Amino acid sequence: MGSVYADIDIYSWGDIFLQQSGYLKEEQIRKVKVNALVDSGSYMLAINEDIKKKLGLQTIHRQTMELANGSKEDVDIVGPVDVRFENRRCSCDAVVLSGNNEVLLGAIPMEDLDVVIDPKQQKLVVNPESPLMAKKKMKKFRTFRL
């Protein structure tokens, strides 16, 4: 199977919060539309420095990441961002890769969006088992009485 790409929108969650609080108009929310490499072998959403600046994202912390080639790099973790694909959305943090690297859509946002890679079509699709809204899995814990 070749590389799979998907058109996604990435929004500044801080701007969404400000708009919901009445401080920004909807058209002032910063967003970017990108063609992201769907990478189920990566954990997180990865963006580049240019997108970080366009969305006005702040660094939450720094972390050492192991890249696909085995090298290690200290990276900024920013966010949260709002990721949208077709009729799905999720909020997540993002890794900032140096330079002008392509955007990677990793396993964590893919799981939250409830999307799957269709190998026959070689594209990202909404989970056919839950086409109307994302299905979430959560274990129900027992409650204990004291």
N, C-alpha and C. Protein backbone atom coordinates (compact mmCIF):
# COMPACT_ATOMS: atom_id res chain seq x y z
N MET A 1 0.84 -1.18 0.00
CA MET A 1 0.00 0.00 0.00
C MET A 1 0.89 1.24 0.00
N GLY A 2 0.51 2.22 -0.78
CA GLY A 2 1.27 3.47 -0.84
C GLY A 2 0.90 4.39 0.29
N SER A 3 1.42 5.60 0.23
CA SER A 3 1.12 6.61 1.24
C SER A 3 -0.32 7.09 1.10
N VAL A 4 -0.95 7.35 2.23
CA VAL A 4 -2.32 7.83 2.25
C VAL A 4 -2.32 9.25 2.80
N TYR A 5 -2.99 10.14 2.10
CA TYR A 5 -3.11 11.54 2.52
C TYR A 5 -4.58 11.89 2.71
N ALA A 6 -4.82 12.86 3.59
CA ALA A 6 -6.19 13.31 3.83
C ALA A 6 -6.21 14.82 4.04
N ASP A 7 -7.22 15.47 3.53
CA ASP A 7 -7.42 16.90 3.76
C ASP A 7 -8.06 17.07 5.13
N ILE A 8 -7.37 17.80 6.00
CA ILE A 8 -7.89 18.08 7.33
C ILE A 8 -7.80 19.59 7.59
N ASP A 9 -8.64 20.06 8.49
CA ASP A 9 -8.57 21.44 8.96
C ASP A 9 -8.06 21.40 10.39
N ILE A 10 -7.14 22.32 10.69
CA ILE A 10 -6.60 22.43 12.04
C ILE A 10 -6.91 23.84 12.54
N TYR A 11 -7.61 23.91 13.68
CA TYR A 11 -8.04 25.17 14.26
C TYR A 11 -7.28 25.44 15.56
N SER A 12 -7.09 26.70 15.86
CA SER A 12 -6.56 27.11 17.16
C SER A 12 -7.67 26.96 18.19
N TRP A 13 -7.49 26.05 19.13
CA TRP A 13 -8.51 25.84 20.14
C TRP A 13 -8.66 27.07 21.03
N GLY A 14 -7.56 27.78 21.26
CA GLY A 14 -7.63 29.01 22.03
C GLY A 14 -8.55 30.03 21.38
N ASP A 15 -8.49 30.13 20.05
CA ASP A 15 -9.38 31.05 19.32
C ASP A 15 -10.83 30.59 19.41
N ILE A 16 -11.05 29.26 19.34
CA ILE A 16 -12.42 28.74 19.48
C ILE A 16 -12.98 29.12 20.85
N PHE A 17 -12.17 28.97 21.89
CA PHE A 17 -12.59 29.34 23.24
C PHE A 17 -12.93 30.83 23.31
N LEU A 18 -12.06 31.67 22.72
CA LEU A 18 -12.31 33.12 22.74
C LEU A 18 -13.59 33.46 21.98
N GLN A 19 -13.85 32.77 20.88
CA GLN A 19 -15.07 33.01 20.10
C GLN A 19 -16.30 32.59 20.91
N GLN A 20 -16.22 31.44 21.57
CA GLN A 20 -17.34 30.96 22.37
C GLN A 20 -17.60 31.87 23.57
N SER A 21 -16.56 32.56 24.02
CA SER A 21 -16.69 33.48 25.16
C SER A 21 -17.07 34.88 24.74
N GLY A 22 -17.22 35.10 23.43
CA GLY A 22 -17.67 36.39 22.93
C GLY A 22 -16.57 37.39 22.62
N TYR A 23 -15.31 36.97 22.63
CA TYR A 23 -14.19 37.89 22.39
C TYR A 23 -13.72 37.93 20.95
N LEU A 24 -14.07 36.93 20.15
CA LEU A 24 -13.70 36.88 18.74
C LEU A 24 -14.93 36.55 17.91
N LYS A 25 -14.93 37.03 16.68
CA LYS A 25 -15.97 36.62 15.74
C LYS A 25 -15.53 35.29 15.11
N GLU A 26 -16.50 34.53 14.65
CA GLU A 26 -16.19 33.21 14.10
C GLU A 26 -15.17 33.28 12.97
N GLU A 27 -15.26 34.31 12.14
CA GLU A 27 -14.33 34.43 11.01
C GLU A 27 -12.91 34.81 11.46
N GLN A 28 -12.73 35.16 12.73
CA GLN A 28 -11.40 35.50 13.25
C GLN A 28 -10.66 34.28 13.80
N ILE A 29 -11.32 33.14 13.88
CA ILE A 29 -10.67 31.93 14.37
C ILE A 29 -9.61 31.50 13.36
N ARG A 30 -8.38 31.35 13.85
CA ARG A 30 -7.29 30.95 12.96
C ARG A 30 -7.38 29.46 12.67
N LYS A 31 -7.25 29.12 11.38
CA LYS A 31 -7.28 27.73 10.95
C LYS A 31 -6.43 27.57 9.70
N VAL A 32 -6.00 26.33 9.47
CA VAL A 32 -5.28 25.99 8.25
C VAL A 32 -5.87 24.72 7.68
N LYS A 33 -5.93 24.65 6.37
CA LYS A 33 -6.34 23.42 5.68
C LYS A 33 -5.06 22.81 5.14
N VAL A 34 -4.84 21.53 5.45
CA VAL A 34 -3.61 20.86 5.01
C VAL A 34 -3.94 19.49 4.45
N ASN A 35 -3.05 19.00 3.62
CA ASN A 35 -3.12 17.63 3.12
C ASN A 35 -2.11 16.84 3.94
N ALA A 36 -2.61 16.11 4.94
CA ALA A 36 -1.75 15.44 5.92
C ALA A 36 -1.46 14.01 5.50
N LEU A 37 -0.24 13.58 5.78
CA LEU A 37 0.12 12.18 5.62
C LEU A 37 -0.51 11.41 6.77
N VAL A 38 -1.32 10.41 6.46
CA VAL A 38 -1.96 9.58 7.48
C VAL A 38 -0.92 8.56 7.91
N ASP A 39 -0.50 8.64 9.17
CA ASP A 39 0.60 7.82 9.66
C ASP A 39 0.19 7.11 10.94
N SER A 40 -0.39 5.92 10.78
CA SER A 40 -0.86 5.17 11.95
C SER A 40 0.29 4.65 12.79
N GLY A 41 1.52 4.76 12.31
CA GLY A 41 2.70 4.37 13.09
C GLY A 41 3.18 5.48 14.02
N SER A 42 2.66 6.68 13.85
CA SER A 42 2.96 7.80 14.74
C SER A 42 1.84 7.94 15.75
N TYR A 43 2.17 8.42 16.94
CA TYR A 43 1.15 8.56 17.97
C TYR A 43 0.32 9.82 17.81
N MET A 44 0.99 10.95 17.56
CA MET A 44 0.34 12.25 17.69
C MET A 44 0.16 12.92 16.33
N LEU A 45 -0.51 14.05 16.36
CA LEU A 45 -0.54 14.95 15.24
C LEU A 45 0.80 15.67 15.21
N ALA A 46 1.42 15.76 14.05
CA ALA A 46 2.68 16.51 13.91
C ALA A 46 2.46 17.63 12.90
N ILE A 47 2.82 18.83 13.31
CA ILE A 47 2.72 20.00 12.44
C ILE A 47 4.12 20.59 12.28
N ASN A 48 4.24 21.61 11.43
CA ASN A 48 5.54 22.27 11.28
C ASN A 48 5.51 23.64 11.93
N GLU A 49 6.67 24.28 11.95
CA GLU A 49 6.80 25.58 12.61
C GLU A 49 5.91 26.65 12.00
N ASP A 50 5.73 26.60 10.68
CA ASP A 50 4.90 27.58 9.99
C ASP A 50 3.45 27.50 10.48
N ILE A 51 2.93 26.31 10.63
CA ILE A 51 1.56 26.14 11.11
C ILE A 51 1.45 26.59 12.56
N LYS A 52 2.45 26.30 13.37
CA LYS A 52 2.45 26.76 14.76
C LYS A 52 2.30 28.28 14.81
N LYS A 53 3.05 28.99 13.95
CA LYS A 53 2.98 30.45 13.93
C LYS A 53 1.63 30.94 13.41
N LYS A 54 1.14 30.34 12.31
CA LYS A 54 -0.14 30.76 11.73
C LYS A 54 -1.28 30.63 12.72
N LEU A 55 -1.26 29.59 13.55
CA LEU A 55 -2.34 29.37 14.51
C LEU A 55 -2.08 30.04 15.85
N GLY A 56 -0.89 30.64 16.01
CA GLY A 56 -0.57 31.32 17.27
C GLY A 56 -0.51 30.37 18.45
N LEU A 57 0.00 29.17 18.23
CA LEU A 57 0.03 28.15 19.28
C LEU A 57 1.18 28.36 20.24
N GLN A 58 0.92 28.11 21.51
CA GLN A 58 1.93 28.24 22.55
C GLN A 58 2.52 26.87 22.88
N THR A 59 3.79 26.86 23.23
CA THR A 59 4.43 25.62 23.65
C THR A 59 3.95 25.26 25.05
N ILE A 60 3.49 24.03 25.19
CA ILE A 60 3.05 23.51 26.48
C ILE A 60 4.26 22.98 27.24
N HIS A 61 5.08 22.21 26.53
CA HIS A 61 6.33 21.67 27.09
C HIS A 61 7.18 21.14 25.95
N ARG A 62 8.38 20.71 26.29
CA ARG A 62 9.29 20.10 25.31
C ARG A 62 9.43 18.63 25.64
N GLN A 63 9.68 17.85 24.62
CA GLN A 63 9.77 16.41 24.79
C GLN A 63 10.76 15.84 23.77
N THR A 64 11.41 14.76 24.13
CA THR A 64 12.29 14.08 23.18
C THR A 64 11.49 13.05 22.41
N MET A 65 11.54 13.13 21.09
CA MET A 65 10.80 12.21 20.23
C MET A 65 11.79 11.39 19.42
N GLU A 66 11.43 10.13 19.18
CA GLU A 66 12.21 9.31 18.27
C GLU A 66 11.54 9.37 16.91
N LEU A 67 12.30 9.80 15.91
CA LEU A 67 11.76 9.94 14.56
C LEU A 67 11.82 8.60 13.83
N ALA A 68 11.17 8.53 12.68
CA ALA A 68 11.08 7.29 11.92
C ALA A 68 12.46 6.75 11.52
N ASN A 69 13.43 7.64 11.34
CA ASN A 69 14.77 7.20 10.95
C ASN A 69 15.62 6.76 12.15
N GLY A 70 15.02 6.77 13.35
CA GLY A 70 15.72 6.34 14.55
C GLY A 70 16.42 7.46 15.31
N SER A 71 16.52 8.64 14.70
CA SER A 71 17.17 9.75 15.39
C SER A 71 16.23 10.32 16.44
N LYS A 72 16.81 11.03 17.40
CA LYS A 72 16.02 11.64 18.46
C LYS A 72 16.13 13.16 18.33
N GLU A 73 15.01 13.81 18.62
CA GLU A 73 14.96 15.26 18.48
C GLU A 73 14.11 15.82 19.61
N ASP A 74 14.58 16.92 20.22
CA ASP A 74 13.77 17.63 21.21
C ASP A 74 12.78 18.51 20.46
N VAL A 75 11.51 18.35 20.77
CA VAL A 75 10.46 19.05 20.03
C VAL A 75 9.54 19.79 20.99
N ASP A 76 8.86 20.80 20.46
CA ASP A 76 7.81 21.50 21.20
C ASP A 76 6.53 20.70 21.09
N ILE A 77 5.78 20.66 22.18
CA ILE A 77 4.42 20.14 22.17
C ILE A 77 3.53 21.36 22.34
N VAL A 78 2.59 21.57 21.42
CA VAL A 78 1.72 22.75 21.42
C VAL A 78 0.27 22.31 21.45
N GLY A 79 -0.57 23.27 21.74
CA GLY A 79 -1.98 22.96 21.65
C GLY A 79 -2.76 23.60 22.77
N PRO A 80 -3.98 23.15 22.89
CA PRO A 80 -4.59 22.15 22.03
C PRO A 80 -5.02 22.75 20.70
N VAL A 81 -5.22 21.86 19.74
CA VAL A 81 -5.77 22.23 18.44
C VAL A 81 -7.04 21.42 18.22
N ASP A 82 -7.86 21.89 17.34
CA ASP A 82 -9.07 21.19 16.96
C ASP A 82 -8.83 20.66 15.55
N VAL A 83 -8.96 19.35 15.36
CA VAL A 83 -8.74 18.71 14.06
C VAL A 83 -10.09 18.30 13.51
N ARG A 84 -10.32 18.63 12.24
CA ARG A 84 -11.60 18.30 11.61
C ARG A 84 -11.37 17.56 10.30
N PHE A 85 -12.15 16.50 10.13
CA PHE A 85 -12.12 15.69 8.91
C PHE A 85 -13.56 15.26 8.62
N GLU A 86 -14.04 15.62 7.46
CA GLU A 86 -15.41 15.33 7.06
C GLU A 86 -16.39 15.71 8.17
N ASN A 87 -17.17 14.76 8.72
CA ASN A 87 -18.13 15.10 9.77
C ASN A 87 -17.60 14.81 11.16
N ARG A 88 -16.27 14.83 11.32
CA ARG A 88 -15.63 14.50 12.60
C ARG A 88 -14.77 15.64 13.09
N ARG A 89 -14.58 15.67 14.42
CA ARG A 89 -13.65 16.63 15.01
C ARG A 89 -13.10 16.04 16.30
N CYS A 90 -11.89 16.47 16.65
CA CYS A 90 -11.30 16.09 17.93
C CYS A 90 -10.34 17.19 18.36
N SER A 91 -10.05 17.21 19.64
CA SER A 91 -9.06 18.14 20.17
C SER A 91 -7.86 17.35 20.63
N CYS A 92 -6.67 17.86 20.35
CA CYS A 92 -5.46 17.16 20.75
C CYS A 92 -4.28 18.13 20.78
N ASP A 93 -3.19 17.68 21.37
CA ASP A 93 -1.94 18.42 21.30
C ASP A 93 -1.22 18.03 20.02
N ALA A 94 -0.20 18.78 19.66
CA ALA A 94 0.55 18.49 18.43
C ALA A 94 2.05 18.62 18.69
N VAL A 95 2.80 17.79 18.02
CA VAL A 95 4.26 17.86 18.01
C VAL A 95 4.66 18.85 16.91
N VAL A 96 5.63 19.70 17.18
CA VAL A 96 6.10 20.64 16.16
C VAL A 96 7.44 20.12 15.64
N LEU A 97 7.44 19.73 14.37
CA LEU A 97 8.68 19.28 13.73
C LEU A 97 9.39 20.48 13.12
N SER A 98 10.70 20.45 13.14
CA SER A 98 11.48 21.59 12.65
C SER A 98 11.33 21.74 11.14
N GLY A 99 11.57 22.95 10.70
CA GLY A 99 11.54 23.22 9.27
C GLY A 99 10.14 23.24 8.70
N ASN A 100 10.04 22.81 7.45
CA ASN A 100 8.76 22.85 6.75
C ASN A 100 8.26 21.42 6.47
N ASN A 101 8.37 20.54 7.48
CA ASN A 101 7.94 19.16 7.33
C ASN A 101 6.45 19.08 7.04
N GLU A 102 6.04 17.97 6.40
CA GLU A 102 4.62 17.78 6.13
C GLU A 102 3.89 17.40 7.41
N VAL A 103 2.60 17.65 7.44
CA VAL A 103 1.76 17.33 8.58
C VAL A 103 1.51 15.83 8.61
N LEU A 104 1.60 15.25 9.81
CA LEU A 104 1.32 13.82 10.00
C LEU A 104 0.11 13.68 10.90
N LEU A 105 -0.85 12.90 10.48
CA LEU A 105 -2.01 12.59 11.30
C LEU A 105 -1.77 11.23 11.93
N GLY A 106 -1.48 11.21 13.24
CA GLY A 106 -1.11 9.99 13.94
C GLY A 106 -2.29 9.22 14.51
N ALA A 107 -1.97 8.14 15.20
CA ALA A 107 -2.96 7.18 15.69
C ALA A 107 -3.91 7.77 16.73
N ILE A 108 -3.42 8.64 17.62
CA ILE A 108 -4.29 9.18 18.68
C ILE A 108 -5.42 10.03 18.09
N PRO A 109 -5.13 11.02 17.25
CA PRO A 109 -6.26 11.76 16.66
C PRO A 109 -7.11 10.90 15.72
N MET A 110 -6.50 9.93 15.04
CA MET A 110 -7.29 9.04 14.18
C MET A 110 -8.30 8.25 15.01
N GLU A 111 -7.87 7.74 16.15
CA GLU A 111 -8.76 6.99 17.03
C GLU A 111 -9.88 7.89 17.55
N ASP A 112 -9.54 9.10 17.94
CA ASP A 112 -10.54 10.03 18.47
C ASP A 112 -11.53 10.46 17.38
N LEU A 113 -11.05 10.61 16.15
CA LEU A 113 -11.92 10.97 15.04
C LEU A 113 -12.79 9.79 14.58
N ASP A 114 -12.39 8.57 14.97
CA ASP A 114 -13.06 7.34 14.53
C ASP A 114 -13.04 7.23 13.01
N VAL A 115 -11.81 7.27 12.49
CA VAL A 115 -11.58 7.12 11.05
C VAL A 115 -10.68 5.90 10.82
N VAL A 116 -10.74 5.39 9.61
CA VAL A 116 -9.93 4.23 9.26
C VAL A 116 -9.30 4.44 7.89
N ILE A 117 -8.22 3.73 7.66
CA ILE A 117 -7.59 3.75 6.35
C ILE A 117 -8.25 2.66 5.51
N ASP A 118 -8.79 3.04 4.37
CA ASP A 118 -9.37 2.08 3.44
C ASP A 118 -8.27 1.66 2.47
N PRO A 119 -7.71 0.43 2.63
CA PRO A 119 -6.57 0.03 1.80
C PRO A 119 -6.93 -0.13 0.32
N LYS A 120 -8.17 -0.47 0.04
CA LYS A 120 -8.59 -0.66 -1.36
C LYS A 120 -8.58 0.67 -2.11
N GLN A 121 -9.13 1.69 -1.45
CA GLN A 121 -9.17 3.02 -2.07
C GLN A 121 -7.93 3.84 -1.79
N GLN A 122 -7.10 3.38 -0.85
CA GLN A 122 -5.91 4.10 -0.38
C GLN A 122 -6.25 5.52 0.04
N LYS A 123 -7.24 5.59 0.95
CA LYS A 123 -7.61 6.90 1.49
C LYS A 123 -8.17 6.74 2.88
N LEU A 124 -8.21 7.86 3.59
CA LEU A 124 -8.78 7.91 4.93
C LEU A 124 -10.29 8.09 4.79
N VAL A 125 -11.06 7.29 5.55
CA VAL A 125 -12.51 7.37 5.48
C VAL A 125 -13.10 7.37 6.89
N VAL A 126 -14.28 7.91 7.00
CA VAL A 126 -15.04 7.82 8.24
C VAL A 126 -15.34 6.34 8.47
N ASN A 127 -15.26 5.91 9.73
CA ASN A 127 -15.51 4.51 10.05
C ASN A 127 -16.88 4.10 9.50
N PRO A 128 -16.93 3.11 8.57
CA PRO A 128 -18.21 2.72 8.00
C PRO A 128 -19.17 2.12 9.03
N GLU A 129 -18.67 1.66 10.16
CA GLU A 129 -19.53 1.11 11.21
C GLU A 129 -20.23 2.21 12.01
N SER A 130 -19.75 3.44 11.89
CA SER A 130 -20.38 4.56 12.60
C SER A 130 -20.30 5.81 11.72
N PRO A 131 -21.06 5.82 10.62
CA PRO A 131 -20.92 6.91 9.64
C PRO A 131 -21.47 8.26 10.08
N LEU A 132 -22.40 8.29 11.02
CA LEU A 132 -23.04 9.55 11.39
C LEU A 132 -22.30 10.34 12.46
N MET A 133 -21.66 9.63 13.39
CA MET A 133 -20.89 10.30 14.43
C MET A 133 -19.81 9.36 14.94
N ALA A 134 -18.76 9.94 15.49
CA ALA A 134 -17.65 9.15 16.00
C ALA A 134 -18.11 8.27 17.15
N LYS A 135 -17.68 7.04 17.13
CA LYS A 135 -17.99 6.11 18.21
C LYS A 135 -16.78 6.08 19.14
N LYS A 136 -17.03 6.21 20.42
CA LYS A 136 -15.97 6.21 21.42
C LYS A 136 -16.08 4.95 22.26
N LYS A 137 -14.94 4.42 22.63
CA LYS A 137 -14.91 3.24 23.49
C LYS A 137 -14.40 3.66 24.86
N MET A 138 -15.08 3.19 25.89
CA MET A 138 -14.65 3.48 27.24
C MET A 138 -15.11 2.33 28.14
N LYS A 139 -14.22 1.90 28.96
CA LYS A 139 -14.57 0.85 29.89
C LYS A 139 -15.34 1.45 31.05
N LYS A 140 -16.41 0.78 31.44
CA LYS A 140 -17.19 1.23 32.58
C LYS A 140 -16.57 0.62 33.83
N PHE A 141 -16.26 1.46 34.78
CA PHE A 141 -15.66 1.01 36.02
C PHE A 141 -16.74 0.78 37.07
N ARG A 142 -16.50 -0.17 37.91
CA ARG A 142 -17.42 -0.41 39.02
C ARG A 142 -17.20 0.67 40.08
N THR A 143 -18.28 1.00 40.77
CA THR A 143 -18.16 1.94 41.87
C THR A 143 -18.12 1.14 43.16
N PHE A 144 -17.37 1.62 44.08
CA PHE A 144 -17.22 0.96 45.37
C PHE A 144 -17.85 1.79 46.45
N ARG A 145 -18.45 1.13 47.41
CA ARG A 145 -19.00 1.82 48.57
C ARG A 145 -18.04 1.69 49.72
N LEU A 146 -17.93 2.72 50.48
CA LEU A 146 -17.07 2.71 51.66
C LEU A 146 -17.83 2.30 52.88
